[in-house]
C-alpha atoms as a PDB file:
ATOM      1  CA  MET A   1      -2.977   3.294  23.248  1.00  0.00           C
ATOM      2  CA  ARG A   2      -2.652  -0.337  21.473  1.00  0.00           C
ATOM      3  CA  ARG A   3      -4.886  -1.540  23.746  1.00  0.00           C
ATOM      4  CA  GLY A   4      -7.425   0.878  21.703  1.00  0.00           C
ATOM      5  CA  ARG A   5      -6.898   0.766  18.260  1.00  0.00           C
ATOM      6  CA  GLY A   6      -7.171  -3.309  18.511  1.00  0.00           C
ATOM      7  CA  LEU A   7     -10.367  -3.148  20.196  1.00  0.00           C
ATOM      8  CA  LEU A   8     -11.261  -0.835  17.672  1.00  0.00           C
ATOM      9  CA  GLN A   9      -9.949  -3.009  14.725  1.00  0.00           C
ATOM     10  CA  ARG A  10     -12.251  -5.815  16.316  1.00  0.00           C
ATOM     11  CA  ILE A  11     -15.261  -3.624  16.577  1.00  0.00           C
ATOM     12  CA  THR A  12     -14.676  -3.063  12.875  1.00  0.00           C
ATOM     13  CA  GLU A  13     -14.011  -6.452  11.814  1.00  0.00           C
ATOM     14  CA  GLY A  14     -16.936  -8.108  13.334  1.00  0.00           C
ATOM     15  CA  ALA A  15     -19.831  -5.310  12.365  1.00  0.00           C
ATOM     16  CA  ASP A  16     -18.633  -6.069   9.055  1.00  0.00           C
ATOM     17  CA  LEU A  17     -18.377  -2.212   7.978  1.00  0.00           C
ATOM     18  CA  PRO A  18     -16.701  -1.519   4.827  1.00  0.00           C
ATOM     19  CA  GLY A  19     -13.313  -0.889   3.800  1.00  0.00           C
ATOM     20  CA  GLU A  20     -12.464   2.408   5.366  1.00  0.00           C
ATOM     21  CA  PRO A  21      -9.142   1.178   7.214  1.00  0.00           C
ATOM     22  CA  LEU A  22      -7.963   2.582  10.476  1.00  0.00           C
ATOM     23  CA  PRO A  23      -5.757   5.253  10.905  1.00  0.00           C
ATOM     24  CA  GLY A  24      -2.116   4.738  10.220  1.00  0.00           C
ATOM     25  CA  LEU A  25      -3.025   1.327   8.276  1.00  0.00           C
ATOM     26  CA  PRO A  26      -1.695   1.493   4.507  1.00  0.00           C
ATOM     27  CA  LEU A  27      -4.174   1.599   2.171  1.00  0.00           C
ATOM     28  CA  VAL A  28      -3.714   0.867  -2.131  1.00  0.00           C
ATOM     29  CA  GLU A  29      -5.896   1.628  -4.425  1.00  0.00           C
ATOM     30  CA  VAL A  30      -5.811   0.194  -8.058  1.00  0.00           C
ATOM     31  CA  ALA A  31      -7.082   2.442 -11.079  1.00  0.00           C
ATOM     32  CA  GLY A  32      -7.677  -0.247 -14.368  1.00  0.00           C
ATOM     33  CA  ASP A  33      -4.122  -1.395 -15.548  1.00  0.00           C
ATOM     34  CA  ARG A  34      -2.399   2.287 -15.284  1.00  0.00           C
ATOM     35  CA  ARG A  35      -1.983   3.941 -11.826  1.00  0.00           C
ATOM     36  CA  VAL A  36      -1.634   2.663  -7.745  1.00  0.00           C
ATOM     37  CA  LEU A  37      -2.331   4.576  -5.004  1.00  0.00           C
ATOM     38  CA  VAL A  38      -0.286   4.168  -2.143  1.00  0.00           C
ATOM     39  CA  GLU A  39      -1.281   6.147   1.636  1.00  0.00           C
ATOM     40  CA  ASN A  40       0.154   5.677   4.642  1.00  0.00           C
ATOM     41  CA  HIS A  41       3.499   4.122   3.112  1.00  0.00           C
ATOM     42  CA  GLY A  42       7.441   4.030   4.608  1.00  0.00           C
ATOM     43  CA  GLY A  43       8.994   4.846   1.706  1.00  0.00           C
ATOM     44  CA  VAL A  44      10.572   3.017  -1.449  1.00  0.00           C
ATOM     45  CA  THR A  45      12.317   0.219  -1.124  1.00  0.00           C
ATOM     46  CA  GLU A  46      13.129  -0.689  -4.676  1.00  0.00           C
ATOM     47  CA  TYR A  47      12.709   1.143  -7.953  1.00  0.00           C
ATOM     48  CA  GLY A  48      12.635   0.052 -11.354  1.00  0.00           C
ATOM     49  CA  ARG A  49      11.472   0.347 -14.312  1.00  0.00           C
ATOM     50  CA  GLU A  50       9.557  -3.192 -13.790  1.00  0.00           C
ATOM     51  CA  GLN A  51       8.864  -3.255 -10.362  1.00  0.00           C
ATOM     52  CA  ILE A  52       8.369  -1.048  -7.209  1.00  0.00           C
ATOM     53  CA  ARG A  53       8.651  -1.874  -3.451  1.00  0.00           C
ATOM     54  CA  ILE A  54       7.148   0.414  -0.900  1.00  0.00           C
ATOM     55  CA  GLN A  55       7.368  -0.502   2.659  1.00  0.00           C
ATOM     56  CA  VAL A  56       4.312  -0.364   4.819  1.00  0.00           C
ATOM     57  CA  ARG A  57       3.446  -1.190   8.319  1.00  0.00           C
ATOM     58  CA  TYR A  58       3.142  -4.584   8.138  1.00  0.00           C
ATOM     59  CA  GLY A  59       5.904  -5.817   4.960  1.00  0.00           C
ATOM     60  CA  GLN A  60       6.107  -4.522   1.365  1.00  0.00           C
ATOM     61  CA  VAL A  61       4.013  -3.772  -1.783  1.00  0.00           C
ATOM     62  CA  CYS A  62       5.157  -4.793  -4.930  1.00  0.00           C
ATOM     63  CA  VAL A  63       4.023  -3.301  -7.708  1.00  0.00           C
ATOM     64  CA  CYS A  64       4.919  -4.887 -10.844  1.00  0.00           C
ATOM     65  CA  GLY A  65       4.610  -3.893 -14.944  1.00  0.00           C
ATOM     66  CA  ALA A  66       6.079  -1.878 -17.280  1.00  0.00           C
ATOM     67  CA  GLY A  67       6.589   1.483 -17.945  1.00  0.00           C
ATOM     68  CA  LEU A  68       6.607   1.958 -14.512  1.00  0.00           C
ATOM     69  CA  GLU A  69       7.074   5.781 -13.070  1.00  0.00           C
ATOM     70  CA  LEU A  70       6.640   7.260  -9.422  1.00  0.00           C
ATOM     71  CA  VAL A  71       5.230  10.174 -10.706  1.00  0.00           C
ATOM     72  CA  MET A  72       3.990  11.321  -6.980  1.00  0.00           C
ATOM     73  CA  MET A  73       5.250  11.070  -3.418  1.00  0.00           C
ATOM     74  CA  THR A  74       4.384  13.019  -0.171  1.00  0.00           C
ATOM     75  CA  LYS A  75       4.476  11.767   3.493  1.00  0.00           C
ATOM     76  CA  GLU A  76       1.292  10.386   3.332  1.00  0.00           C
ATOM     77  CA  GLN A  77       0.739   8.963  -0.096  1.00  0.00           C
ATOM     78  CA  LEU A  78       2.831   8.153  -3.569  1.00  0.00           C
ATOM     79  CA  VAL A  79       1.421   7.082  -6.733  1.00  0.00           C
ATOM     80  CA  ILE A  80       2.691   4.905  -9.080  1.00  0.00           C
ATOM     81  CA  CYS A  81       1.624   5.120 -12.767  1.00  0.00           C
ATOM     82  CA  GLY A  82       2.490   3.001 -15.931  1.00  0.00           C
ATOM     83  CA  ARG A  83       1.310  -0.727 -17.180  1.00  0.00           C
ATOM     84  CA  ILE A  84       0.376  -2.321 -13.980  1.00  0.00           C
ATOM     85  CA  GLU A  85       0.701  -5.891 -14.229  1.00  0.00           C
ATOM     86  CA  SER A  86       0.193  -7.105 -10.391  1.00  0.00           C
ATOM     87  CA  VAL A  87       0.098  -5.430  -6.768  1.00  0.00           C
ATOM     88  CA  HIS A  88       1.410  -8.179  -4.018  1.00  0.00           C
ATOM     89  CA  LEU A  89       1.722  -7.717  -0.222  1.00  0.00           C
ATOM     90  CA  ILE A  90       4.648  -8.711   0.771  1.00  0.00           C
ATOM     91  CA  ARG A  91       4.255  -9.482   4.543  1.00  0.00           C
ATOM     92  CA  GLY A  92       7.595  -9.167   7.341  1.00  0.00           C
ATOM     93  CA  ASN A  93      10.674  -7.699   5.516  1.00  0.00           C
ATOM     94  CA  GLY A  94      10.046  -9.328   2.299  1.00  0.00           C
ATOM     95  CA  GLN A  95      13.183 -11.542   1.994  1.00  0.00           C
END
C-alpha cells in the first residue's frame, strides 16, 4: 500500500496537477487574517490565546496571533478563529 501511495504522489507531482492533497495528508486553508482550517489533523498539542499547535502527519502546524480560539473540532478537521499573524509548519516533533 505504501508503495502505491508513493507512486501516486510522484505521478501527481510530475504531472503538476493542482492542489488536492493525497488522502490522509493534512490540508491547511487560511481565510484572510481571521480563520484557519486544518483537515486530517492528529489533535491539538498546545492551546493558548496567542498560539495553537496542531499535530499533523509529519510534524506540527503552529498558528500564532491574538485572541485565538478553537471554534470547531471534529476527528477530521478543526477551525481556529482570531487575528491570525502567522501559520507555519514545524517538521518532526517540534522540539
